[in-house]
């Protein structure tokens, strides 16, 4: 009897990789990325700014600034609100003249901009050594910040943006 050809080996069973359901993007993803260099915002109580605001609110005692470490390229300035879900990166909550979503700081890694988000009392930019600003920036328009610029919001809050020191980056400064 002639040799019959050997039967073909059974084909290995292939398992199709399970198809993962499409991932949903978070509803609100902030357009922020890590910065190459850490920055801080100093929050000052500014009696000179308070004097020109003509508010009945009582100013807190000026002292050393609160320091907020910025490690991302975008930071919301405002006051927290549980009902509105506002959780600002730069919390100016003791100044009730600051809106919940007052302004946005953004960076390209080298430069910084401020944008008023339609706040109730405006966002002002001034330079050290010059008179206090009297005209707010246009809501929705980004304004590039220079090294000696100061940002004024609310009844007494002055923001100063600068590179973080090594101790501030470590959380010890």
C-alpha atoms as a PDB file:
ATOM      1  CA  UNK A   1       0.000   0.000   0.000  1.00  0.00           C
ATOM      2  CA  UNK A   2       1.459   3.280  -1.014  1.00  0.00           C
ATOM      3  CA  UNK A   3       2.213   5.782   1.661  1.00  0.00           C
ATOM      4  CA  UNK A   4      -0.548   8.257   1.966  1.00  0.00           C
ATOM      5  CA  UNK A   5       0.434  11.835   2.470  1.00  0.00           C
ATOM      6  CA  UNK A   6       0.440  12.838   6.076  1.00  0.00           C
ATOM      7  CA  UNK A   7      -2.646  14.727   7.072  1.00  0.00           C
ATOM      8  CA  UNK A   8      -2.216  18.436   7.520  1.00  0.00           C
ATOM      9  CA  UNK A   9      -1.602  19.453  11.075  1.00  0.00           C
ATOM     10  CA  UNK A  10      -4.597  21.191  12.549  1.00  0.00           C
ATOM     11  CA  UNK A  11      -4.323  24.943  12.341  1.00  0.00           C
ATOM     12  CA  UNK A  12      -3.608  26.504  15.695  1.00  0.00           C
ATOM     13  CA  UNK A  13      -6.624  28.111  17.204  1.00  0.00           C
ATOM     14  CA  UNK A  14      -6.337  31.828  17.114  1.00  0.00           C
ATOM     15  CA  UNK A  15      -7.887  33.883  19.758  1.00  0.00           C
ATOM     16  CA  UNK A  16      -8.889  37.312  18.769  1.00  0.00           C
ATOM     17  CA  UNK A  17      -7.712  39.900  21.184  1.00  0.00           C
ATOM     18  CA  UNK A  18     -10.653  41.263  23.061  1.00  0.00           C
ATOM     19  CA  UNK A  19     -11.662  44.588  21.687  1.00  0.00           C
ATOM     20  CA  UNK A  20     -11.546  47.181  24.408  1.00  0.00           C
ATOM     21  CA  UNK A  21     -14.453  49.546  24.504  1.00  0.00           C
ATOM     22  CA  UNK A  22     -13.502  52.995  23.302  1.00  0.00           C
ATOM     23  CA  UNK A  23     -12.145  55.091  26.109  1.00  0.00           C
ATOM     24  CA  UNK A  24     -14.084  58.176  26.896  1.00  0.00           C
ATOM     25  CA  UNK A  25     -12.217  61.387  27.328  1.00  0.00           C
ATOM     26  CA  UNK A  26     -12.890  63.226  30.539  1.00  0.00           C
ATOM     27  CA  UNK A  27     -15.546  65.851  30.010  1.00  0.00           C
ATOM     28  CA  UNK A  28     -13.266  68.714  31.049  1.00  0.00           C
ATOM     29  CA  UNK A  29      -9.600  68.114  30.373  1.00  0.00           C
ATOM     30  CA  UNK A  30      -7.545  71.174  31.216  1.00  0.00           C
ATOM     31  CA  UNK A  31      -5.139  72.191  28.458  1.00  0.00           C
ATOM     32  CA  UNK A  32      -2.165  71.912  30.762  1.00  0.00           C
ATOM     33  CA  UNK A  33       1.159  70.183  30.648  1.00  0.00           C
ATOM     34  CA  UNK A  34       4.081  69.993  33.018  1.00  0.00           C
ATOM     35  CA  UNK A  35       6.503  72.899  33.053  1.00  0.00           C
ATOM     36  CA  UNK A  36      10.237  72.446  32.561  1.00  0.00           C
ATOM     37  CA  UNK A  37      10.786  74.927  35.398  1.00  0.00           C
ATOM     38  CA  UNK A  38       8.552  75.357  38.426  1.00  0.00           C
ATOM     39  CA  UNK A  39       7.027  78.763  39.057  1.00  0.00           C
ATOM     40  CA  UNK A  40       5.225  80.314  42.007  1.00  0.00           C
ATOM     41  CA  UNK A  41       2.522  82.898  42.422  1.00  0.00           C
ATOM     42  CA  UNK A  42       2.813  85.143  45.455  1.00  0.00           C
ATOM     43  CA  UNK A  43      -0.583  86.309  46.769  1.00  0.00           C
ATOM     44  CA  UNK A  44      -0.190  89.634  48.556  1.00  0.00           C
ATOM     45  CA  UNK A  45      -2.669  91.743  50.497  1.00  0.00           C
ATOM     46  CA  UNK A  46      -2.027  95.142  48.877  1.00  0.00           C
ATOM     47  CA  UNK A  47      -3.203  98.172  50.933  1.00  0.00           C
ATOM     48  CA  UNK A  48      -2.533 100.584  48.029  1.00  0.00           C
ATOM     49  CA  UNK A  49      -4.768  98.546  45.680  1.00  0.00           C
ATOM     50  CA  UNK A  50      -7.418  98.329  48.409  1.00  0.00           C
ATOM     51  CA  UNK A  51      -7.377 102.137  48.858  1.00  0.00           C
ATOM     52  CA  UNK A  52      -8.391 102.761  45.230  1.00  0.00           C
ATOM     53  CA  UNK A  53     -11.068 100.033  45.104  1.00  0.00           C
ATOM     54  CA  UNK A  54     -13.589 101.934  47.253  1.00  0.00           C
ATOM     55  CA  UNK A  55     -14.992  98.818  48.871  1.00  0.00           C
ATOM     56  CA  UNK A  56     -16.706  98.467  52.235  1.00  0.00           C
ATOM     57  CA  UNK A  57     -15.008  95.121  52.784  1.00  0.00           C
ATOM     58  CA  UNK A  58     -12.447  95.048  55.598  1.00  0.00           C
ATOM     59  CA  UNK A  59      -8.901  94.422  54.433  1.00  0.00           C
ATOM     60  CA  UNK A  60      -6.936  91.705  56.232  1.00  0.00           C
ATOM     61  CA  UNK A  61      -3.636  92.606  57.815  1.00  0.00           C
ATOM     62  CA  UNK A  62      -0.870  92.737  55.200  1.00  0.00           C
ATOM     63  CA  UNK A  63       2.019  90.428  55.886  1.00  0.00           C
ATOM     64  CA  UNK A  64       4.057  87.841  54.083  1.00  0.00           C
ATOM     65  CA  UNK A  65       2.465  86.506  50.902  1.00  0.00           C
ATOM     66  CA  UNK A  66       0.872  83.121  50.424  1.00  0.00           C
ATOM     67  CA  UNK A  67       2.991  81.131  47.964  1.00  0.00           C
ATOM     68  CA  UNK A  68       1.364  78.816  45.399  1.00  0.00           C
ATOM     69  CA  UNK A  69       3.647  76.441  43.491  1.00  0.00           C
ATOM     70  CA  UNK A  70       2.786  76.143  39.791  1.00  0.00           C
ATOM     71  CA  UNK A  71       3.991  72.981  38.076  1.00  0.00           C
ATOM     72  CA  UNK A  72       1.612  72.991  35.099  1.00  0.00           C
ATOM     73  CA  UNK A  73       1.325  75.355  32.160  1.00  0.00           C
ATOM     74  CA  UNK A  74      -2.166  76.537  33.069  1.00  0.00           C
ATOM     75  CA  UNK A  75      -3.557  77.752  36.397  1.00  0.00           C
ATOM     76  CA  UNK A  76      -7.013  79.018  37.315  1.00  0.00           C
ATOM     77  CA  UNK A  77      -7.154  82.080  39.600  1.00  0.00           C
ATOM     78  CA  UNK A  78     -10.308  82.409  41.683  1.00  0.00           C
ATOM     79  CA  UNK A  79     -12.223  81.343  44.773  1.00  0.00           C
ATOM     80  CA  UNK A  80     -13.403  77.808  45.525  1.00  0.00           C
ATOM     81  CA  UNK A  81     -17.070  76.911  45.143  1.00  0.00           C
ATOM     82  CA  UNK A  82     -18.486  73.499  45.924  1.00  0.00           C
ATOM     83  CA  UNK A  83     -21.777  74.247  44.185  1.00  0.00           C
ATOM     84  CA  UNK A  84     -20.082  75.459  40.988  1.00  0.00           C
ATOM     85  CA  UNK A  85     -17.275  72.913  41.135  1.00  0.00           C
ATOM     86  CA  UNK A  86     -14.663  75.682  41.028  1.00  0.00           C
ATOM     87  CA  UNK A  87     -11.325  74.542  42.442  1.00  0.00           C
ATOM     88  CA  UNK A  88      -8.818  77.235  41.533  1.00  0.00           C
ATOM     89  CA  UNK A  89      -5.110  76.482  41.394  1.00  0.00           C
ATOM     90  CA  UNK A  90      -4.458  79.968  42.772  1.00  0.00           C
ATOM     91  CA  UNK A  91      -6.980  80.354  45.596  1.00  0.00           C
ATOM     92  CA  UNK A  92      -7.715  83.995  46.450  1.00  0.00           C
ATOM     93  CA  UNK A  93     -10.679  82.893  48.550  1.00  0.00           C
ATOM     94  CA  UNK A  94     -10.373  85.393  51.385  1.00  0.00           C
ATOM     95  CA  UNK A  95     -10.957  88.266  48.925  1.00  0.00           C
ATOM     96  CA  UNK A  96     -14.680  88.052  48.157  1.00  0.00           C
ATOM     97  CA  UNK A  97     -14.293  90.569  45.295  1.00  0.00           C
ATOM     98  CA  UNK A  98     -12.446  87.838  43.358  1.00  0.00           C
ATOM     99  CA  UNK A  99     -14.762  85.817  41.105  1.00  0.00           C
ATOM    100  CA  UNK A 100     -14.977  82.023  41.400  1.00  0.00           C
ATOM    101  CA  UNK A 101     -13.366  81.669  37.953  1.00  0.00           C
ATOM    102  CA  UNK A 102     -11.616  85.013  37.761  1.00  0.00           C
ATOM    103  CA  UNK A 103      -8.614  84.611  35.445  1.00  0.00           C
ATOM    104  CA  UNK A 104      -6.388  82.019  33.776  1.00  0.00           C
ATOM    105  CA  UNK A 105      -2.584  82.000  33.791  1.00  0.00           C
ATOM    106  CA  UNK A 106      -1.005  80.111  30.873  1.00  0.00           C
ATOM    107  CA  UNK A 107       2.576  79.458  29.822  1.00  0.00           C
ATOM    108  CA  UNK A 108       4.437  78.114  26.820  1.00  0.00           C
ATOM    109  CA  UNK A 109       7.338  77.152  29.101  1.00  0.00           C
ATOM    110  CA  UNK A 110       9.157  80.465  28.688  1.00  0.00           C
ATOM    111  CA  UNK A 111       6.486  83.168  28.811  1.00  0.00           C
ATOM    112  CA  UNK A 112       3.303  83.674  30.830  1.00  0.00           C
ATOM    113  CA  UNK A 113      -0.051  85.208  29.915  1.00  0.00           C
ATOM    114  CA  UNK A 114      -3.065  86.257  31.957  1.00  0.00           C
ATOM    115  CA  UNK A 115      -6.632  86.149  30.644  1.00  0.00           C
ATOM    116  CA  UNK A 116      -9.671  87.546  32.429  1.00  0.00           C
ATOM    117  CA  UNK A 117     -12.484  84.971  32.308  1.00  0.00           C
ATOM    118  CA  UNK A 118     -15.323  87.504  32.486  1.00  0.00           C
ATOM    119  CA  UNK A 119     -14.805  88.317  36.165  1.00  0.00           C
ATOM    120  CA  UNK A 120     -17.109  90.708  38.005  1.00  0.00           C
ATOM    121  CA  UNK A 121     -14.412  93.193  39.029  1.00  0.00           C
ATOM    122  CA  UNK A 122     -11.814  92.837  36.300  1.00  0.00           C
ATOM    123  CA  UNK A 123      -8.171  91.823  36.101  1.00  0.00           C
ATOM    124  CA  UNK A 124      -5.544  94.551  36.026  1.00  0.00           C
ATOM    125  CA  UNK A 125      -1.867  94.381  35.053  1.00  0.00           C
ATOM    126  CA  UNK A 126       0.636  96.950  36.291  1.00  0.00           C
ATOM    127  CA  UNK A 127       4.405  97.303  36.439  1.00  0.00           C
ATOM    128  CA  UNK A 128       6.571  97.853  39.518  1.00  0.00           C
ATOM    129  CA  UNK A 129       7.445 101.537  39.928  1.00  0.00           C
ATOM    130  CA  UNK A 130       4.498 102.789  37.872  1.00  0.00           C
ATOM    131  CA  UNK A 131       1.094 104.021  39.093  1.00  0.00           C
ATOM    132  CA  UNK A 132      -1.518 101.381  39.835  1.00  0.00           C
ATOM    133  CA  UNK A 133      -3.443 100.324  36.721  1.00  0.00           C
ATOM    134  CA  UNK A 134      -6.874 101.871  36.239  1.00  0.00           C
ATOM    135  CA  UNK A 135      -8.100  99.972  33.170  1.00  0.00           C
ATOM    136  CA  UNK A 136      -8.840  96.239  33.324  1.00  0.00           C
ATOM    137  CA  UNK A 137      -7.628  93.907  30.614  1.00  0.00           C
ATOM    138  CA  UNK A 138     -10.242  92.923  28.050  1.00  0.00           C
ATOM    139  CA  UNK A 139     -12.072  89.720  29.090  1.00  0.00           C
ATOM    140  CA  UNK A 140     -11.128  86.791  26.865  1.00  0.00           C
ATOM    141  CA  UNK A 141      -7.924  88.420  25.625  1.00  0.00           C
ATOM    142  CA  UNK A 142      -4.568  86.999  26.705  1.00  0.00           C
ATOM    143  CA  UNK A 143      -2.025  89.575  27.877  1.00  0.00           C
ATOM    144  CA  UNK A 144       1.648  88.597  28.006  1.00  0.00           C
ATOM    145  CA  UNK A 145       3.288  89.290  31.353  1.00  0.00           C
ATOM    146  CA  UNK A 146       6.688  90.919  31.701  1.00  0.00           C
ATOM    147  CA  UNK A 147       9.120  90.173  34.503  1.00  0.00           C
ATOM    148  CA  UNK A 148       8.122  93.182  36.629  1.00  0.00           C
ATOM    149  CA  UNK A 149       4.370  92.982  36.037  1.00  0.00           C
ATOM    150  CA  UNK A 150       1.915  92.646  38.882  1.00  0.00           C
ATOM    151  CA  UNK A 151      -1.620  91.283  38.537  1.00  0.00           C
ATOM    152  CA  UNK A 152      -4.369  92.920  40.588  1.00  0.00           C
ATOM    153  CA  UNK A 153      -7.700  91.193  41.250  1.00  0.00           C
ATOM    154  CA  UNK A 154     -10.499  91.715  43.732  1.00  0.00           C
ATOM    155  CA  UNK A 155     -10.459  94.288  46.521  1.00  0.00           C
ATOM    156  CA  UNK A 156      -6.876  93.846  47.722  1.00  0.00           C
ATOM    157  CA  UNK A 157      -5.168  90.909  46.014  1.00  0.00           C
ATOM    158  CA  UNK A 158      -1.899  91.400  44.133  1.00  0.00           C
ATOM    159  CA  UNK A 159      -0.324  88.433  42.324  1.00  0.00           C
ATOM    160  CA  UNK A 160       3.384  88.226  41.566  1.00  0.00           C
ATOM    161  CA  UNK A 161       4.558  85.461  39.224  1.00  0.00           C
ATOM    162  CA  UNK A 162       8.196  84.338  39.454  1.00  0.00           C
ATOM    163  CA  UNK A 163      10.416  81.240  39.117  1.00  0.00           C
ATOM    164  CA  UNK A 164      10.313  79.001  42.191  1.00  0.00           C
ATOM    165  CA  UNK A 165      13.341  78.729  44.448  1.00  0.00           C
ATOM    166  CA  UNK A 166      14.840  75.292  45.081  1.00  0.00           C
ATOM    167  CA  UNK A 167      13.368  75.201  48.583  1.00  0.00           C
ATOM    168  CA  UNK A 168       9.908  76.126  47.232  1.00  0.00           C
ATOM    169  CA  UNK A 169      10.172  73.300  44.701  1.00  0.00           C
ATOM    170  CA  UNK A 170      11.022  70.875  47.531  1.00  0.00           C
ATOM    171  CA  UNK A 171       8.155  72.232  49.612  1.00  0.00           C
ATOM    172  CA  UNK A 172      10.448  73.514  52.346  1.00  0.00           C
ATOM    173  CA  UNK A 173      10.454  77.201  51.470  1.00  0.00           C
END
